[in-house]
Amino acid sequence: MYALEFKDVSFSYGEGGFRIPKLNFTVKEGEFVAILGHNGSGKSTLARLANGILAPDRGTVSVFGAPVDEKHLYEVRRQVGVVFQNPDNQTVASIVEDDVAFGAENVGTPREEIGRRIDFALSAVGMQAHRLSAVSRLSGGQKQRVAIAGVLALKPRIMILDESTAMLDPRGRREIMEVAKRLNQEEGMTIVVITHFPEEALLADRALVMNRGELVMQGAPKEIFTRHEELITYNLELPRIGRIEKSLHEGGMPVKSTLNIEELVNEIAGELTCGS
């Protein structure tokens, strides 16, 4: 059984609008998957199909074997938590702990259990010290952590981060991705990161590339980012370390292809030593 499965899924926003012609892919339980694509490629539509915000025209979306339909919608949305791009649009309370508790309260979680979930969620995102802080006084990265905590308080089995770092500075993006990686590794949570930042895809077990509503590439991130020319056709760029490698090759330094910064430093040191 897959955590998430799209089977022959097609969707359109009406005649002449964006459409997904036929989409097939799966995500295993406990997997960390990155979905890459330029604006308008269908990434966010995929996230909305995954938890029933949108319904496919044809085909089926399933979460742990249950179809995402009206009959199963309540349970699906407890299983699949989605964190969107703008944290301000997800804030519903003025104090951090109240905001984190909101979703769990709405699904009837007992009060004693809500307290435990607030503790768990804030600890998971490193925001315990801000439990009684005003949300409006937090940084963008901190607000997004609170948004993630609110979803975690629902105890989902799948977390989808839909361009959740797009409005953050590099430090904020790094903090959110560290939280996602930790939840995957320590809590066994299935993570789907939807992004156009190639550096974020490097953290994943598997990367999928979407273009014009179609799945055009998939594989290990290291394998995907060796296909430079193909990525360019989909308006995607290499991660920064990949661009450095490419520049070194073009400059005549034949370093081994790697997407690990420590390995690249060792390669450069070795080449410099051989040439001295």
C-alpha atoms as a PDB file:
ATOM      1  CA  MET A   1       0.000   0.000   0.000  1.00  0.00           C
ATOM      2  CA  TYR A   2       1.287   3.442  -0.960  1.00  0.00           C
ATOM      3  CA  ALA A   3       1.028   6.539   1.210  1.00  0.00           C
ATOM      4  CA  LEU A   4      -0.079   8.504  -1.847  1.00  0.00           C
ATOM      5  CA  GLU A   5      -1.084   7.272  -5.287  1.00  0.00           C
ATOM      6  CA  PHE A   6      -2.217   9.127  -8.412  1.00  0.00           C
ATOM      7  CA  LYS A   7      -3.687   6.741 -10.971  1.00  0.00           C
ATOM      8  CA  ASP A   8      -4.603   8.045 -14.443  1.00  0.00           C
ATOM      9  CA  VAL A   9      -5.492  11.418 -12.915  1.00  0.00           C
ATOM     10  CA  SER A  10      -6.609  14.199 -15.227  1.00  0.00           C
ATOM     11  CA  PHE A  11      -7.807  17.655 -14.207  1.00  0.00           C
ATOM     12  CA  SER A  12      -8.515  21.010 -15.820  1.00  0.00           C
ATOM     13  CA  TYR A  13      -9.539  24.477 -14.663  1.00  0.00           C
ATOM     14  CA  GLY A  14     -12.258  24.706 -17.298  1.00  0.00           C
ATOM     15  CA  GLU A  15     -12.130  25.069 -21.052  1.00  0.00           C
ATOM     16  CA  GLY A  16      -8.922  26.739 -22.159  1.00  0.00           C
ATOM     17  CA  GLY A  17      -7.455  26.657 -18.638  1.00  0.00           C
ATOM     18  CA  PHE A  18      -4.489  24.789 -17.243  1.00  0.00           C
ATOM     19  CA  ARG A  19      -4.872  21.034 -17.417  1.00  0.00           C
ATOM     20  CA  ILE A  20      -3.216  17.867 -16.193  1.00  0.00           C
ATOM     21  CA  PRO A  21      -3.730  15.365 -19.032  1.00  0.00           C
ATOM     22  CA  LYS A  22      -2.871  12.088 -17.264  1.00  0.00           C
ATOM     23  CA  LEU A  23      -0.773  11.747 -14.145  1.00  0.00           C
ATOM     24  CA  ASN A  24       0.543   8.548 -12.572  1.00  0.00           C
ATOM     25  CA  PHE A  25       2.909   8.393  -9.609  1.00  0.00           C
ATOM     26  CA  THR A  26       3.232   6.949  -6.121  1.00  0.00           C
ATOM     27  CA  VAL A  27       4.861   7.918  -2.825  1.00  0.00           C
ATOM     28  CA  LYS A  28       5.866   5.226  -0.348  1.00  0.00           C
ATOM     29  CA  GLU A  29       5.188   5.557   3.360  1.00  0.00           C
ATOM     30  CA  GLY A  30       8.167   7.224   5.077  1.00  0.00           C
ATOM     31  CA  GLU A  31       9.579   8.533   1.804  1.00  0.00           C
ATOM     32  CA  PHE A  32      10.868  12.092   1.310  1.00  0.00           C
ATOM     33  CA  VAL A  33       9.899  13.263  -2.179  1.00  0.00           C
ATOM     34  CA  ALA A  34      10.593  16.600  -3.863  1.00  0.00           C
ATOM     35  CA  ILE A  35       8.408  17.812  -6.725  1.00  0.00           C
ATOM     36  CA  LEU A  36      10.129  20.368  -8.929  1.00  0.00           C
ATOM     37  CA  GLY A  37       8.743  22.541 -11.676  1.00  0.00           C
ATOM     38  CA  HIS A  38       8.519  26.114 -12.908  1.00  0.00           C
ATOM     39  CA  ASN A  39       5.500  28.319 -12.150  1.00  0.00           C
ATOM     40  CA  GLY A  40       2.420  26.930 -13.853  1.00  0.00           C
ATOM     41  CA  SER A  41       3.751  23.383 -14.146  1.00  0.00           C
ATOM     42  CA  GLY A  42       1.000  21.902 -11.967  1.00  0.00           C
ATOM     43  CA  LYS A  43       2.836  21.411  -8.671  1.00  0.00           C
ATOM     44  CA  SER A  44       0.318  23.211  -6.451  1.00  0.00           C
ATOM     45  CA  THR A  45      -2.619  21.641  -8.284  1.00  0.00           C
ATOM     46  CA  LEU A  46      -1.127  18.286  -7.341  1.00  0.00           C
ATOM     47  CA  ALA A  47      -1.055  19.286  -3.649  1.00  0.00           C
ATOM     48  CA  ARG A  48      -4.707  20.328  -3.751  1.00  0.00           C
ATOM     49  CA  LEU A  49      -5.705  17.079  -5.424  1.00  0.00           C
ATOM     50  CA  ALA A  50      -3.813  15.117  -2.772  1.00  0.00           C
ATOM     51  CA  ASN A  51      -6.013  16.255   0.122  1.00  0.00           C
ATOM     52  CA  GLY A  52      -9.300  16.844  -1.658  1.00  0.00           C
ATOM     53  CA  ILE A  53      -9.286  20.611  -2.071  1.00  0.00           C
ATOM     54  CA  LEU A  54      -9.677  19.803  -5.762  1.00  0.00           C
ATOM     55  CA  ALA A  55     -11.241  16.683  -7.283  1.00  0.00           C
ATOM     56  CA  PRO A  56      -9.890  15.022 -10.438  1.00  0.00           C
ATOM     57  CA  ASP A  57     -11.987  15.010 -13.603  1.00  0.00           C
ATOM     58  CA  ARG A  58     -10.960  11.406 -14.180  1.00  0.00           C
ATOM     59  CA  GLY A  59      -8.789   8.845 -12.425  1.00  0.00           C
ATOM     60  CA  THR A  60      -8.264   8.335  -8.698  1.00  0.00           C
ATOM     61  CA  VAL A  61      -6.130   9.839  -5.950  1.00  0.00           C
ATOM     62  CA  SER A  62      -5.641   7.514  -2.976  1.00  0.00           C
ATOM     63  CA  VAL A  63      -4.182   8.052   0.512  1.00  0.00           C
ATOM     64  CA  PHE A  64      -3.097   4.827   2.221  1.00  0.00           C
ATOM     65  CA  GLY A  65      -5.449   2.938  -0.089  1.00  0.00           C
ATOM     66  CA  ALA A  66      -8.517   5.116   0.568  1.00  0.00           C
ATOM     67  CA  PRO A  67      -9.805   7.140  -2.398  1.00  0.00           C
ATOM     68  CA  VAL A  68      -9.858  10.901  -1.936  1.00  0.00           C
ATOM     69  CA  ASP A  69     -13.612  11.360  -2.338  1.00  0.00           C
ATOM     70  CA  GLU A  70     -16.517  12.778  -0.331  1.00  0.00           C
ATOM     71  CA  LYS A  71     -16.947   9.576   1.657  1.00  0.00           C
ATOM     72  CA  HIS A  72     -13.323   9.546   2.858  1.00  0.00           C
ATOM     73  CA  LEU A  73     -12.558  13.279   2.796  1.00  0.00           C
ATOM     74  CA  TYR A  74     -12.586  13.858   6.563  1.00  0.00           C
ATOM     75  CA  GLU A  75     -10.152  11.039   7.244  1.00  0.00           C
ATOM     76  CA  VAL A  76      -7.957  11.947   4.266  1.00  0.00           C
ATOM     77  CA  ARG A  77      -7.519  15.490   5.557  1.00  0.00           C
ATOM     78  CA  ARG A  78      -6.469  14.133   8.946  1.00  0.00           C
ATOM     79  CA  GLN A  79      -3.877  11.981   7.198  1.00  0.00           C
ATOM     80  CA  VAL A  80      -2.572  14.629   4.786  1.00  0.00           C
ATOM     81  CA  GLY A  81      -1.423  17.976   6.163  1.00  0.00           C
ATOM     82  CA  VAL A  82      -0.649  20.771   3.709  1.00  0.00           C
ATOM     83  CA  VAL A  83       1.423  23.861   4.508  1.00  0.00           C
ATOM     84  CA  PHE A  84       1.027  26.587   1.897  1.00  0.00           C
ATOM     85  CA  GLN A  85       3.284  29.388   0.711  1.00  0.00           C
ATOM     86  CA  ASN A  86       2.189  32.379   2.784  1.00  0.00           C
ATOM     87  CA  PRO A  87       2.192  31.767   6.559  1.00  0.00           C
ATOM     88  CA  ASP A  88       0.109  34.896   7.171  1.00  0.00           C
ATOM     89  CA  ASN A  89      -2.770  33.307   5.260  1.00  0.00           C
ATOM     90  CA  GLN A  90      -2.687  30.321   7.618  1.00  0.00           C
ATOM     91  CA  THR A  91      -2.747  32.251  10.893  1.00  0.00           C
ATOM     92  CA  VAL A  92      -6.055  32.021  12.774  1.00  0.00           C
ATOM     93  CA  ALA A  93      -5.096  33.108  16.318  1.00  0.00           C
ATOM     94  CA  SER A  94      -2.967  35.858  17.778  1.00  0.00           C
ATOM     95  CA  ILE A  95      -0.966  33.680  20.219  1.00  0.00           C
ATOM     96  CA  VAL A  96       1.272  30.842  19.025  1.00  0.00           C
ATOM     97  CA  GLU A  97      -0.151  28.042  21.201  1.00  0.00           C
ATOM     98  CA  ASP A  98      -3.737  28.983  20.288  1.00  0.00           C
ATOM     99  CA  ASP A  99      -2.856  28.961  16.601  1.00  0.00           C
ATOM    100  CA  VAL A 100      -1.224  25.535  16.860  1.00  0.00           C
ATOM    101  CA  ALA A 101      -4.236  24.149  18.751  1.00  0.00           C
ATOM    102  CA  PHE A 102      -6.869  25.450  16.312  1.00  0.00           C
ATOM    103  CA  GLY A 103      -6.962  22.523  13.884  1.00  0.00           C
ATOM    104  CA  ALA A 104      -6.864  19.854  16.582  1.00  0.00           C
ATOM    105  CA  GLU A 105      -9.715  21.576  18.445  1.00  0.00           C
ATOM    106  CA  ASN A 106     -11.795  21.711  15.268  1.00  0.00           C
ATOM    107  CA  VAL A 107     -11.640  17.937  14.815  1.00  0.00           C
ATOM    108  CA  GLY A 108     -12.757  17.323  18.398  1.00  0.00           C
ATOM    109  CA  THR A 109      -9.461  16.282  19.971  1.00  0.00           C
ATOM    110  CA  PRO A 110      -9.805  15.993  23.790  1.00  0.00           C
ATOM    111  CA  ARG A 111      -8.378  18.946  25.722  1.00  0.00           C
ATOM    112  CA  GLU A 112      -5.712  16.878  27.501  1.00  0.00           C
ATOM    113  CA  GLU A 113      -4.550  15.441  24.203  1.00  0.00           C
ATOM    114  CA  ILE A 114      -4.432  18.919  22.604  1.00  0.00           C
ATOM    115  CA  GLY A 115      -1.962  20.015  25.280  1.00  0.00           C
ATOM    116  CA  ARG A 116       0.291  17.058  24.493  1.00  0.00           C
ATOM    117  CA  ARG A 117       0.041  17.738  20.764  1.00  0.00           C
ATOM    118  CA  ILE A 118       0.968  21.402  21.228  1.00  0.00           C
ATOM    119  CA  ASP A 119       4.050  20.311  23.163  1.00  0.00           C
ATOM    120  CA  PHE A 120       4.973  17.769  20.479  1.00  0.00           C
ATOM    121  CA  ALA A 121       4.395  20.127  17.548  1.00  0.00           C
ATOM    122  CA  LEU A 122       6.269  23.109  18.986  1.00  0.00           C
ATOM    123  CA  SER A 123       9.145  20.860  20.030  1.00  0.00           C
ATOM    124  CA  ALA A 124       9.300  19.341  16.543  1.00  0.00           C
ATOM    125  CA  VAL A 125       9.712  22.747  14.899  1.00  0.00           C
ATOM    126  CA  GLY A 126      11.907  24.274  17.598  1.00  0.00           C
ATOM    127  CA  MET A 127       9.397  26.908  18.745  1.00  0.00           C
ATOM    128  CA  GLN A 128       8.845  25.922  22.407  1.00  0.00           C
ATOM    129  CA  ALA A 129      10.279  29.225  23.640  1.00  0.00           C
ATOM    130  CA  HIS A 130       7.679  31.139  21.608  1.00  0.00           C
ATOM    131  CA  ARG A 131       4.621  29.290  22.903  1.00  0.00           C
ATOM    132  CA  LEU A 132       3.046  32.442  24.383  1.00  0.00           C
ATOM    133  CA  SER A 133       4.426  34.870  21.799  1.00  0.00           C
ATOM    134  CA  ALA A 134       2.296  37.012  19.524  1.00  0.00           C
ATOM    135  CA  VAL A 135       2.293  35.497  16.028  1.00  0.00           C
ATOM    136  CA  SER A 136       2.442  38.979  14.496  1.00  0.00           C
ATOM    137  CA  ARG A 137       5.842  39.599  16.103  1.00  0.00           C
ATOM    138  CA  LEU A 138       7.505  36.505  14.625  1.00  0.00           C
ATOM    139  CA  SER A 139       9.811  36.433  11.611  1.00  0.00           C
ATOM    140  CA  GLY A 140       8.659  34.891   8.345  1.00  0.00           C
ATOM    141  CA  GLY A 141      10.567  31.696   9.060  1.00  0.00           C
ATOM    142  CA  GLN A 142       9.135  31.472  12.578  1.00  0.00           C
ATOM    143  CA  LYS A 143       5.592  32.017  11.295  1.00  0.00           C
ATOM    144  CA  GLN A 144       6.059  29.201   8.807  1.00  0.00           C
ATOM    145  CA  ARG A 145       7.302  26.950  11.607  1.00  0.00           C
ATOM    146  CA  VAL A 146       4.120  27.753  13.538  1.00  0.00           C
ATOM    147  CA  ALA A 147       2.066  26.904  10.439  1.00  0.00           C
ATOM    148  CA  ILE A 148       3.844  23.550  10.260  1.00  0.00           C
ATOM    149  CA  ALA A 149       3.233  23.012  13.991  1.00  0.00           C
ATOM    150  CA  GLY A 150      -0.498  23.626  13.460  1.00  0.00           C
ATOM    151  CA  VAL A 151      -0.554  20.866  10.868  1.00  0.00           C
ATOM    152  CA  LEU A 152       1.562  18.571  13.059  1.00  0.00           C
ATOM    153  CA  ALA A 153      -0.932  18.961  15.912  1.00  0.00           C
ATOM    154  CA  LEU A 154      -3.381  17.054  13.711  1.00  0.00           C
ATOM    155  CA  LYS A 155      -0.867  14.160  13.708  1.00  0.00           C
ATOM    156  CA  PRO A 156      -0.923  13.621   9.922  1.00  0.00           C
ATOM    157  CA  ARG A 157       0.950  10.730   8.345  1.00  0.00           C
ATOM    158  CA  ILE A 158       1.816  12.798   5.266  1.00  0.00           C
ATOM    159  CA  MET A 159       3.098  16.385   5.233  1.00  0.00           C
ATOM    160  CA  ILE A 160       2.978  18.356   1.985  1.00  0.00           C
ATOM    161  CA  LEU A 161       4.973  21.593   1.908  1.00  0.00           C
ATOM    162  CA  ASP A 162       3.530  23.512  -1.039  1.00  0.00           C
ATOM    163  CA  GLU A 163       6.127  26.175  -1.916  1.00  0.00           C
ATOM    164  CA  SER A 164       6.316  26.759   1.843  1.00  0.00           C
ATOM    165  CA  THR A 165       9.733  28.430   1.647  1.00  0.00           C
ATOM    166  CA  ALA A 166       9.085  30.626  -1.399  1.00  0.00           C
ATOM    167  CA  MET A 167       8.555  33.825   0.612  1.00  0.00           C
ATOM    168  CA  LEU A 168      11.448  33.247   3.037  1.00  0.00           C
ATOM    169  CA  ASP A 169      15.067  34.359   3.011  1.00  0.00           C
ATOM    170  CA  PRO A 170      17.818  31.706   2.642  1.00  0.00           C
ATOM    171  CA  ARG A 171      18.100  31.231   6.394  1.00  0.00           C
ATOM    172  CA  GLY A 172      14.350  30.785   6.763  1.00  0.00           C
ATOM    173  CA  ARG A 173      14.279  28.297   3.878  1.00  0.00           C
ATOM    174  CA  ARG A 174      17.097  26.296   5.462  1.00  0.00           C
ATOM    175  CA  GLU A 175      15.302  26.211   8.831  1.00  0.00           C
ATOM    176  CA  ILE A 176      12.068  24.900   7.333  1.00  0.00           C
ATOM    177  CA  MET A 177      13.840  22.222   5.311  1.00  0.00           C
ATOM    178  CA  GLU A 178      15.749  21.105   8.402  1.00  0.00           C
ATOM    179  CA  VAL A 179      12.412  20.688  10.194  1.00  0.00           C
ATOM    180  CA  ALA A 180      11.036  18.638   7.275  1.00  0.00           C
ATOM    181  CA  LYS A 181      14.093  16.402   7.173  1.00  0.00           C
ATOM    182  CA  ARG A 182      13.980  15.838  10.932  1.00  0.00           C
ATOM    183  CA  LEU A 183      10.275  14.917  10.855  1.00  0.00           C
ATOM    184  CA  ASN A 184      11.016  12.418   8.108  1.00  0.00           C
ATOM    185  CA  GLN A 185      14.011  10.829   9.797  1.00  0.00           C
ATOM    186  CA  GLU A 186      12.924  10.916  13.453  1.00  0.00           C
ATOM    187  CA  GLU A 187       9.134  10.650  13.216  1.00  0.00           C
ATOM    188  CA  GLY A 188       8.940   8.524  10.067  1.00  0.00           C
ATOM    189  CA  MET A 189       6.604  11.049   8.485  1.00  0.00           C
ATOM    190  CA  THR A 190       6.078  10.930   4.724  1.00  0.00           C
ATOM    191  CA  ILE A 191       7.212  14.282   3.324  1.00  0.00           C
ATOM    192  CA  VAL A 192       6.367  15.814  -0.055  1.00  0.00           C
ATOM    193  CA  VAL A 193       8.143  19.101  -0.769  1.00  0.00           C
ATOM    194  CA  ILE A 194       6.813  21.097  -3.705  1.00  0.00           C
ATOM    195  CA  THR A 195       9.429  23.637  -4.724  1.00  0.00           C
ATOM    196  CA  HIS A 196      11.292  25.419  -7.478  1.00  0.00           C
ATOM    197  CA  PHE A 197      14.493  25.604  -5.385  1.00  0.00           C
ATOM    198  CA  PRO A 198      16.846  22.824  -6.561  1.00  0.00           C
ATOM    199  CA  GLU A 199      18.812  22.935  -3.279  1.00  0.00           C
ATOM    200  CA  GLU A 200      15.711  21.747  -1.424  1.00  0.00           C
ATOM    201  CA  ALA A 201      15.323  18.776  -3.754  1.00  0.00           C
ATOM    202  CA  LEU A 202      18.823  17.575  -2.806  1.00  0.00           C
ATOM    203  CA  LEU A 203      17.503  16.600   0.639  1.00  0.00           C
ATOM    204  CA  ALA A 204      14.911  14.224  -0.812  1.00  0.00           C
ATOM    205  CA  ASP A 205      15.076  10.489  -1.455  1.00  0.00           C
ATOM    206  CA  ARG A 206      13.485  11.007  -4.855  1.00  0.00           C
ATOM    207  CA  ALA A 207      12.748  13.959  -7.120  1.00  0.00           C
ATOM    208  CA  LEU A 208       9.919  14.367  -9.621  1.00  0.00           C
ATOM    209  CA  VAL A 209       9.901  17.080 -12.301  1.00  0.00           C
ATOM    210  CA  MET A 210       6.633  18.440 -13.665  1.00  0.00           C
ATOM    211  CA  ASN A 211       6.144  20.458 -16.835  1.00  0.00           C
ATOM    212  CA  ARG A 212       2.816  21.652 -18.248  1.00  0.00           C
ATOM    213  CA  GLY A 213       0.862  19.264 -16.077  1.00  0.00           C
ATOM    214  CA  GLU A 214       2.930  16.202 -16.935  1.00  0.00           C
ATOM    215  CA  LEU A 215       5.520  14.202 -15.013  1.00  0.00           C
ATOM    216  CA  VAL A 216       8.596  14.466 -17.251  1.00  0.00           C
ATOM    217  CA  MET A 217      11.473  13.266 -15.035  1.00  0.00           C
ATOM    218  CA  GLN A 218      11.890  11.251 -11.870  1.00  0.00           C
ATOM    219  CA  GLY A 219      14.706   9.596  -9.966  1.00  0.00           C
ATOM    220  CA  ALA A 220      17.300  10.218  -7.281  1.00  0.00           C
ATOM    221  CA  PRO A 221      18.127  13.958  -7.064  1.00  0.00           C
ATOM    222  CA  LYS A 222      21.776  13.287  -7.925  1.00  0.00           C
ATOM    223  CA  GLU A 223      20.686  11.515 -11.114  1.00  0.00           C
ATOM    224  CA  ILE A 224      18.154  14.206 -12.048  1.00  0.00           C
ATOM    225  CA  PHE A 225      20.705  16.996 -11.710  1.00  0.00           C
ATOM    226  CA  THR A 226      23.177  15.322 -14.059  1.00  0.00           C
ATOM    227  CA  ARG A 227      20.711  15.867 -16.908  1.00  0.00           C
ATOM    228  CA  HIS A 228      21.655  19.533 -17.324  1.00  0.00           C
ATOM    229  CA  GLU A 229      20.347  20.150 -20.834  1.00  0.00           C
ATOM    230  CA  GLU A 230      17.024  18.456 -20.128  1.00  0.00           C
ATOM    231  CA  LEU A 231      16.498  20.562 -17.014  1.00  0.00           C
ATOM    232  CA  ILE A 232      17.102  23.724 -19.018  1.00  0.00           C
ATOM    233  CA  THR A 233      14.285  22.797 -21.415  1.00  0.00           C
ATOM    234  CA  TYR A 234      11.955  22.747 -18.395  1.00  0.00           C
ATOM    235  CA  ASN A 235      13.165  26.167 -17.162  1.00  0.00           C
ATOM    236  CA  LEU A 236      14.935  24.669 -14.166  1.00  0.00           C
ATOM    237  CA  GLU A 237      18.487  25.300 -13.024  1.00  0.00           C
ATOM    238  CA  LEU A 238      21.094  23.250 -11.210  1.00  0.00           C
ATOM    239  CA  PRO A 239      21.588  23.681  -7.463  1.00  0.00           C
ATOM    240  CA  ARG A 240      24.395  26.080  -6.586  1.00  0.00           C
ATOM    241  CA  ILE A 241      26.908  23.278  -6.029  1.00  0.00           C
ATOM    242  CA  GLY A 242      26.029  21.868  -9.454  1.00  0.00           C
ATOM    243  CA  ARG A 243      26.637  25.248 -11.079  1.00  0.00           C
ATOM    244  CA  ILE A 244      30.022  25.449  -9.345  1.00  0.00           C
ATOM    245  CA  GLU A 245      30.953  21.988 -10.649  1.00  0.00           C
ATOM    246  CA  LYS A 246      29.927  22.972 -14.159  1.00  0.00           C
ATOM    247  CA  SER A 247      32.028  26.163 -14.010  1.00  0.00           C
ATOM    248  CA  LEU A 248      35.040  24.191 -12.787  1.00  0.00           C
ATOM    249  CA  HIS A 249      34.712  21.735 -15.686  1.00  0.00           C
ATOM    250  CA  GLU A 250      34.355  24.565 -18.173  1.00  0.00           C
ATOM    251  CA  GLY A 251      37.471  26.165 -16.656  1.00  0.00           C
ATOM    252  CA  GLY A 252      39.505  22.998 -17.178  1.00  0.00           C
ATOM    253  CA  MET A 253      39.365  21.427 -13.704  1.00  0.00           C
ATOM    254  CA  PRO A 254      37.956  17.870 -14.182  1.00  0.00           C
ATOM    255  CA  VAL A 255      36.481  17.363 -10.718  1.00  0.00           C
ATOM    256  CA  LYS A 256      34.311  14.295 -10.168  1.00  0.00           C
ATOM    257  CA  SER A 257      30.588  14.999 -10.357  1.00  0.00           C
ATOM    258  CA  THR A 258      29.171  15.267  -6.846  1.00  0.00           C
ATOM    259  CA  LEU A 259      26.393  17.196  -5.155  1.00  0.00           C
ATOM    260  CA  ASN A 260      28.062  17.019  -1.744  1.00  0.00           C
ATOM    261  CA  ILE A 261      29.976  20.151  -0.722  1.00  0.00           C
ATOM    262  CA  GLU A 262      32.589  18.292   1.348  1.00  0.00           C
ATOM    263  CA  GLU A 263      33.315  15.889  -1.502  1.00  0.00           C
ATOM    264  CA  LEU A 264      33.643  18.797  -3.919  1.00  0.00           C
ATOM    265  CA  VAL A 265      36.100  20.600  -1.613  1.00  0.00           C
ATOM    266  CA  ASN A 266      38.195  17.423  -1.418  1.00  0.00           C
ATOM    267  CA  GLU A 267      38.077  17.074  -5.206  1.00  0.00           C
ATOM    268  CA  ILE A 268      39.277  20.653  -5.686  1.00  0.00           C
ATOM    269  CA  ALA A 269      42.047  20.168  -3.087  1.00  0.00           C
ATOM    270  CA  GLY A 270      43.149  16.993  -4.844  1.00  0.00           C
ATOM    271  CA  GLU A 271      43.267  18.673  -8.244  1.00  0.00           C
ATOM    272  CA  LEU A 272      45.243  21.603  -6.849  1.00  0.00           C
ATOM    273  CA  THR A 273      47.698  19.229  -5.161  1.00  0.00           C
ATOM    274  CA  CYS A 274      48.210  17.242  -8.377  1.00  0.00           C
ATOM    275  CA  GLY A 275      48.780  20.417 -10.326  1.00  0.00           C
ATOM    276  CA  SER A 276      51.300  21.918  -7.929  1.00  0.00           C
END
